[in-house]
Amino acid sequence: MSESNERPAGISASADGVGRVVVGVDGSPHSLRALDRAADEAERRGAELEVLCGGVPARRGAYPETEADRERMRQATREVADSAAERARERVPGLTVVATGVSEPAADALVGRSRTAELTVVGTRGHGGFRGLLLGSVSLRLAAHAAGPLMVVRGALPEPGAAPGDVVVGVKSESATQPVEYGFQAAQRSGSAVRVAHCWIYPMLPGVALRLSPQEPSTETKRAEQFVVDTLRPFRKRYPQVPLSAEQHQGQPAEHLIKLSEGADTVVLGVRRQTRRLSLQVGPVVHAVLHHAKCSVVLVPVP
């Protein structure tokens, strides 16, 4: 695990120099899948695991919340966190696991922890079709506000001893290489291959008279191919032992990335949070992949 001490910019280690993976749990099956994945990630990184259970947002009512109410909530969340932490210790013997139960809403607590964590992990209750849109308020809140890399665990975890799936990385611009860096580091830790995809849409002009000549799409294709080569050149040098395949694809990015997610270990995307009138939101491609990918999705903040 030669990469266990390398951390993305802005992510700090604990006082003793050990990194930290944080996972949100609530006792549900999808949060326990996230817990198992988080334990595996912590082991690969040589990091400690913090298992956090947060409270539910306070509802407005005729009577204000009291300190006794908050203490009952803390006690309940501590019990859930302690049980989940024991499960993580059984899955990865020797792993340092810290259980934390808080009365504040889970999303708020996890956003705060994400500022110093190597990785924040949450689950999703989506199962495809219409229910696949049920990503969960905590996951959506973290997708928009997490300060560091966020993993949303989807699909079934691989069987023990099974060959790892590819790490699929979506690349959009040459300046946003943080997801590529994350993808190579993750693949090196797990023994996976990296598959980089650059998707682009050929601009269509209105009107028959304004259609471009047939040669122009091939020109755009060559530009896309060269973009992929230039973007990956430094990573090929830094990670020569990581198997790599790369492609450019003309078409809708979300559809292609969702297709590539079948059989993959993770899909890694850069995320630029977009300011809306009421809140921060992620872009449409990230939103679609989060809801419909067949495997876990990692969001890496980019400037």
Protein backbone atom coordinates (compact mmCIF):
# COMPACT_ATOMS: atom_id res chain seq x y z
CA MET A 1 0.00 0.00 0.00
CA SER A 2 2.53 2.56 -1.12
CA GLU A 3 -0.21 5.15 -1.61
CA SER A 4 -1.59 4.97 1.93
CA ASN A 5 0.19 8.16 2.98
CA GLU A 6 -0.71 10.21 -0.09
CA ARG A 7 -3.75 12.46 0.34
CA PRO A 8 -5.65 14.80 -1.92
CA ALA A 9 -4.91 18.50 -1.48
CA GLY A 10 -6.69 19.98 1.51
CA ILE A 11 -7.22 16.64 3.30
CA SER A 12 -5.42 16.39 6.60
CA ALA A 13 -4.34 13.44 8.69
CA SER A 14 -5.02 12.89 12.36
CA ALA A 15 -2.56 14.03 14.99
CA ASP A 16 -0.62 10.76 14.78
CA GLY A 17 -0.35 11.00 10.98
CA VAL A 18 -2.99 8.35 10.26
CA GLY A 19 -5.69 9.23 7.74
CA ARG A 20 -9.39 8.82 8.40
CA VAL A 21 -12.33 7.40 6.46
CA VAL A 22 -15.76 8.48 7.72
CA VAL A 23 -18.95 6.52 7.05
CA GLY A 24 -22.50 7.47 7.90
CA VAL A 25 -24.74 4.70 9.29
CA ASP A 26 -28.32 4.50 10.48
CA GLY A 27 -28.76 0.73 10.87
CA SER A 28 -30.43 0.28 7.48
CA PRO A 29 -29.22 -2.36 5.00
CA HIS A 30 -27.91 0.24 2.55
CA SER A 31 -25.91 1.97 5.28
CA LEU A 32 -24.40 -1.36 6.33
CA ARG A 33 -23.25 -1.95 2.73
CA ALA A 34 -21.62 1.47 2.91
CA LEU A 35 -20.04 0.50 6.24
CA ASP A 36 -18.51 -2.66 4.74
CA ARG A 37 -17.11 -0.73 1.79
CA ALA A 38 -15.76 1.99 4.08
CA ALA A 39 -13.99 -0.61 6.23
CA ASP A 40 -12.34 -2.06 3.12
CA GLU A 41 -11.31 1.42 1.98
CA ALA A 42 -9.81 2.24 5.37
CA GLU A 43 -7.81 -0.99 5.35
CA ARG A 44 -6.42 -0.28 1.87
CA ARG A 45 -5.39 3.23 2.91
CA GLY A 46 -3.91 2.27 6.26
CA ALA A 47 -6.42 4.70 7.78
CA GLU A 48 -8.70 4.62 10.77
CA LEU A 49 -12.46 4.35 10.33
CA GLU A 50 -14.95 6.65 12.01
CA VAL A 51 -18.48 5.26 12.12
CA LEU A 52 -20.91 8.11 12.58
CA CYS A 53 -24.62 8.00 13.31
CA GLY A 54 -26.40 11.33 13.33
CA GLY A 55 -29.82 12.39 14.49
CA VAL A 56 -32.81 13.34 12.39
CA PRO A 57 -33.58 17.00 11.61
CA ALA A 58 -35.73 18.60 14.28
CA ARG A 59 -39.36 19.06 13.29
CA ARG A 60 -41.21 22.19 14.15
CA GLY A 61 -43.84 21.64 16.79
CA ALA A 62 -45.68 23.29 19.60
CA TYR A 63 -42.90 22.45 22.08
CA PRO A 64 -39.19 23.28 21.64
CA GLU A 65 -36.57 20.55 21.72
CA THR A 66 -35.08 20.12 25.17
CA GLU A 67 -31.65 18.98 26.32
CA ALA A 68 -33.26 15.75 27.52
CA ASP A 69 -34.56 15.17 23.99
CA ARG A 70 -31.08 15.73 22.58
CA GLU A 71 -29.53 13.36 25.11
CA ARG A 72 -32.01 10.61 24.20
CA MET A 73 -31.09 11.15 20.56
CA ARG A 74 -27.35 10.95 21.35
CA GLN A 75 -27.88 7.72 23.29
CA ALA A 76 -29.82 6.16 20.41
CA THR A 77 -27.24 7.18 17.81
CA ARG A 78 -24.38 5.93 20.00
CA GLU A 79 -25.99 2.50 20.18
CA VAL A 80 -26.33 2.33 16.39
CA ALA A 81 -22.75 3.54 15.89
CA ASP A 82 -21.36 1.07 18.45
CA SER A 83 -23.11 -1.85 16.78
CA ALA A 84 -21.90 -0.81 13.33
CA ALA A 85 -18.35 -0.31 14.62
CA GLU A 86 -18.32 -3.88 15.96
CA ARG A 87 -19.39 -5.14 12.54
CA ALA A 88 -16.49 -3.23 10.94
CA ARG A 89 -13.99 -4.71 13.42
CA GLU A 90 -15.23 -8.21 12.61
CA ARG A 91 -14.93 -7.56 8.87
CA VAL A 92 -11.39 -6.13 9.12
CA PRO A 93 -9.59 -7.47 12.21
CA GLY A 94 -7.04 -5.01 13.57
CA LEU A 95 -8.71 -1.98 11.99
CA THR A 96 -8.89 1.07 14.26
CA VAL A 97 -12.58 1.97 14.47
CA VAL A 98 -14.09 4.93 16.30
CA ALA A 99 -17.86 5.02 16.94
CA THR A 100 -19.53 8.44 17.13
CA GLY A 101 -23.16 9.20 17.91
CA VAL A 102 -24.42 12.79 17.74
CA SER A 103 -27.76 14.50 18.10
CA GLU A 104 -27.23 16.91 15.19
CA PRO A 105 -28.62 15.90 11.78
CA ALA A 106 -26.51 13.26 10.04
CA ALA A 107 -25.95 15.38 6.92
CA ASP A 108 -24.62 18.32 8.95
CA ALA A 109 -22.29 16.09 10.96
CA LEU A 110 -20.92 14.33 7.87
CA VAL A 111 -20.37 17.59 5.99
CA GLY A 112 -18.32 18.80 8.94
CA ARG A 113 -16.30 15.57 9.11
CA SER A 114 -15.64 15.69 5.34
CA ARG A 115 -13.38 18.72 5.80
CA THR A 116 -10.65 16.59 7.38
CA ALA A 117 -11.43 13.07 6.11
CA GLU A 118 -9.60 11.30 3.30
CA LEU A 119 -12.93 9.90 2.20
CA THR A 120 -16.55 10.20 3.31
CA VAL A 121 -18.81 7.22 2.56
CA VAL A 122 -22.60 6.97 2.51
CA GLY A 123 -25.12 4.51 1.12
CA THR A 124 -28.16 4.92 -1.08
CA ARG A 125 -31.48 3.17 -0.93
CA GLY A 126 -32.09 3.37 -4.69
CA HIS A 127 -32.76 0.10 -6.53
CA GLY A 128 -33.32 1.17 -10.14
CA GLY A 129 -36.39 2.33 -12.03
CA PHE A 130 -38.39 4.99 -10.24
CA ARG A 131 -37.02 3.84 -6.89
CA GLY A 132 -33.55 4.42 -8.32
CA LEU A 133 -34.26 8.11 -7.91
CA LEU A 134 -34.49 7.68 -4.14
CA LEU A 135 -30.90 8.63 -3.49
CA GLY A 136 -31.68 9.96 -0.03
CA SER A 137 -31.54 13.43 1.45
CA VAL A 138 -28.26 12.80 3.27
CA SER A 139 -26.49 11.57 0.12
CA LEU A 140 -27.80 14.48 -1.95
CA ARG A 141 -26.82 16.99 0.71
CA LEU A 142 -23.29 15.58 0.86
CA ALA A 143 -23.01 15.49 -2.93
CA ALA A 144 -23.57 19.23 -2.93
CA HIS A 145 -21.61 20.18 0.19
CA ALA A 146 -18.89 17.61 1.07
CA ALA A 147 -15.49 19.29 1.23
CA GLY A 148 -13.47 16.22 0.24
CA PRO A 149 -13.97 13.05 -1.82
CA LEU A 150 -17.39 11.45 -1.30
CA MET A 151 -18.25 7.83 -2.09
CA VAL A 152 -21.91 6.94 -2.60
CA VAL A 153 -22.09 3.15 -2.38
CA ARG A 154 -24.37 1.55 -4.95
CA GLY A 155 -24.84 -2.04 -6.07
CA ALA A 156 -23.61 -5.22 -4.42
CA LEU A 157 -20.11 -5.43 -2.99
CA PRO A 158 -17.75 -7.85 -4.78
CA GLU A 159 -17.38 -11.32 -3.36
CA PRO A 160 -14.19 -11.95 -1.34
CA GLY A 161 -11.38 -12.95 -3.68
CA ALA A 162 -13.19 -11.73 -6.80
CA ALA A 163 -11.18 -9.80 -9.37
CA PRO A 164 -11.68 -6.05 -8.86
CA GLY A 165 -13.67 -4.14 -11.43
CA ASP A 166 -12.30 -1.18 -13.34
CA VAL A 167 -12.11 2.31 -11.88
CA VAL A 168 -13.95 4.42 -14.46
CA VAL A 169 -12.96 8.09 -14.53
CA GLY A 170 -14.92 10.74 -16.38
CA VAL A 171 -12.72 13.57 -17.67
CA LYS A 172 -14.13 16.86 -18.87
CA SER A 173 -11.38 19.51 -18.87
CA GLU A 174 -7.59 19.49 -18.82
CA SER A 175 -7.46 21.67 -15.71
CA ALA A 176 -9.65 19.33 -13.63
CA THR A 177 -7.34 16.36 -13.11
CA GLN A 178 -8.16 15.71 -9.44
CA PRO A 179 -10.56 12.85 -10.37
CA VAL A 180 -7.86 11.25 -12.54
CA GLU A 181 -5.40 11.38 -9.65
CA TYR A 182 -7.96 9.84 -7.32
CA GLY A 183 -8.75 7.11 -9.85
CA PHE A 184 -5.12 6.08 -10.30
CA GLN A 185 -4.48 6.03 -6.55
CA ALA A 186 -7.62 3.95 -5.95
CA ALA A 187 -6.69 1.51 -8.70
CA GLN A 188 -3.17 1.14 -7.36
CA ARG A 189 -4.51 0.33 -3.89
CA SER A 190 -7.05 -2.23 -5.11
CA GLY A 191 -5.16 -3.75 -8.04
CA SER A 192 -7.76 -2.50 -10.52
CA ALA A 193 -7.39 -1.07 -13.99
CA VAL A 194 -8.27 2.53 -14.82
CA ARG A 195 -10.65 3.30 -17.67
CA VAL A 196 -10.79 6.97 -18.61
CA ALA A 197 -13.66 8.33 -20.66
CA HIS A 198 -13.89 11.78 -22.20
CA CYS A 199 -17.38 12.45 -23.53
CA TRP A 200 -18.25 15.34 -25.77
CA ILE A 201 -21.25 16.50 -27.75
CA TYR A 202 -20.87 17.73 -31.31
CA PRO A 203 -22.49 21.17 -31.58
CA MET A 204 -25.54 21.12 -33.84
CA LEU A 205 -26.36 24.34 -35.68
CA PRO A 206 -29.95 25.26 -36.55
CA GLY A 207 -31.21 25.19 -40.12
CA VAL A 208 -30.28 23.12 -43.15
CA ALA A 209 -28.11 25.88 -44.59
CA LEU A 210 -25.97 25.95 -41.44
CA ARG A 211 -25.06 22.26 -41.30
CA LEU A 212 -21.31 21.74 -41.11
CA SER A 213 -19.37 19.67 -43.61
CA PRO A 214 -18.85 15.93 -42.93
CA GLN A 215 -15.13 16.53 -42.34
CA GLU A 216 -15.69 18.64 -39.24
CA PRO A 217 -16.88 15.86 -36.91
CA SER A 218 -13.67 13.92 -37.63
CA THR A 219 -11.69 17.05 -36.76
CA GLU A 220 -13.50 17.27 -33.43
CA THR A 221 -12.87 13.58 -32.84
CA LYS A 222 -9.14 14.05 -33.39
CA ARG A 223 -9.15 16.97 -30.97
CA ALA A 224 -10.89 14.82 -28.36
CA GLU A 225 -8.41 12.00 -28.86
CA GLN A 226 -5.48 14.38 -28.49
CA PHE A 227 -7.06 15.86 -25.36
CA VAL A 228 -7.17 12.41 -23.78
CA VAL A 229 -3.55 11.69 -24.70
CA ASP A 230 -2.32 15.02 -23.32
CA THR A 231 -4.33 14.75 -20.11
CA LEU A 232 -3.15 11.23 -19.28
CA ARG A 233 0.51 11.62 -20.25
CA PRO A 234 1.76 12.61 -16.74
CA PHE A 235 -0.32 9.90 -15.08
CA ARG A 236 1.08 7.20 -17.34
CA LYS A 237 4.53 8.21 -16.12
CA ARG A 238 3.60 8.37 -12.43
CA TYR A 239 1.59 5.14 -12.37
CA PRO A 240 3.22 2.87 -14.96
CA GLN A 241 2.11 -0.26 -13.11
CA VAL A 242 -1.62 0.59 -13.28
CA PRO A 243 -3.36 -0.88 -16.37
CA LEU A 244 -4.96 1.94 -18.34
CA SER A 245 -7.44 2.24 -21.17
CA ALA A 246 -8.84 5.49 -22.48
CA GLU A 247 -11.50 6.57 -24.91
CA GLN A 248 -13.29 9.57 -26.31
CA HIS A 249 -17.02 9.27 -26.89
CA GLN A 250 -19.27 11.51 -28.90
CA GLY A 251 -22.60 11.56 -27.13
CA GLN A 252 -24.36 12.21 -23.84
CA PRO A 253 -21.82 11.84 -20.98
CA ALA A 254 -24.28 10.54 -18.37
CA GLU A 255 -25.62 7.77 -20.59
CA HIS A 256 -22.14 6.56 -21.51
CA LEU A 257 -20.80 6.66 -17.95
CA ILE A 258 -23.82 4.76 -16.65
CA LYS A 259 -23.20 2.11 -19.31
CA LEU A 260 -19.53 1.87 -18.30
CA SER A 261 -20.55 1.46 -14.66
CA GLU A 262 -21.84 -2.06 -15.35
CA GLY A 263 -19.23 -4.41 -13.92
CA ALA A 264 -17.03 -1.53 -12.73
CA ASP A 265 -15.81 -1.04 -9.17
CA THR A 266 -16.40 2.71 -9.06
CA VAL A 267 -17.13 5.66 -11.29
CA VAL A 268 -15.08 8.73 -10.37
CA LEU A 269 -16.31 12.19 -11.35
CA GLY A 270 -15.17 15.70 -10.66
CA VAL A 271 -17.78 17.95 -9.15
CA ARG A 272 -18.03 21.71 -9.35
CA ARG A 273 -20.80 22.80 -7.04
CA GLN A 274 -23.21 25.17 -8.77
CA THR A 275 -24.80 27.97 -6.79
CA ARG A 276 -28.58 28.13 -7.09
CA ARG A 277 -30.91 30.61 -5.54
CA LEU A 278 -31.72 28.35 -2.59
CA SER A 279 -28.73 26.04 -2.28
CA LEU A 280 -25.67 24.47 -3.83
CA GLN A 281 -26.38 21.79 -6.41
CA VAL A 282 -24.36 19.40 -8.54
CA GLY A 283 -24.54 19.43 -12.32
CA PRO A 284 -26.93 17.29 -14.41
CA VAL A 285 -24.32 14.68 -15.40
CA VAL A 286 -23.25 14.05 -11.80
CA HIS A 287 -26.88 14.00 -10.71
CA ALA A 288 -27.83 11.40 -13.33
CA VAL A 289 -24.84 9.13 -12.64
CA LEU A 290 -25.46 9.28 -8.88
CA HIS A 291 -29.02 8.10 -9.39
CA HIS A 292 -28.51 5.42 -12.02
CA ALA A 293 -24.95 4.02 -11.88
CA LYS A 294 -24.64 0.27 -11.40
CA CYS A 295 -21.67 0.64 -9.04
CA SER A 296 -20.39 3.02 -6.40
CA VAL A 297 -19.75 6.64 -7.39
CA VAL A 298 -16.97 8.85 -6.06
CA LEU A 299 -17.27 12.64 -6.32
CA VAL A 300 -13.99 14.54 -6.16
CA PRO A 301 -14.16 18.33 -5.72
CA VAL A 302 -12.43 20.37 -8.41
CA PRO A 303 -11.80 24.11 -8.38
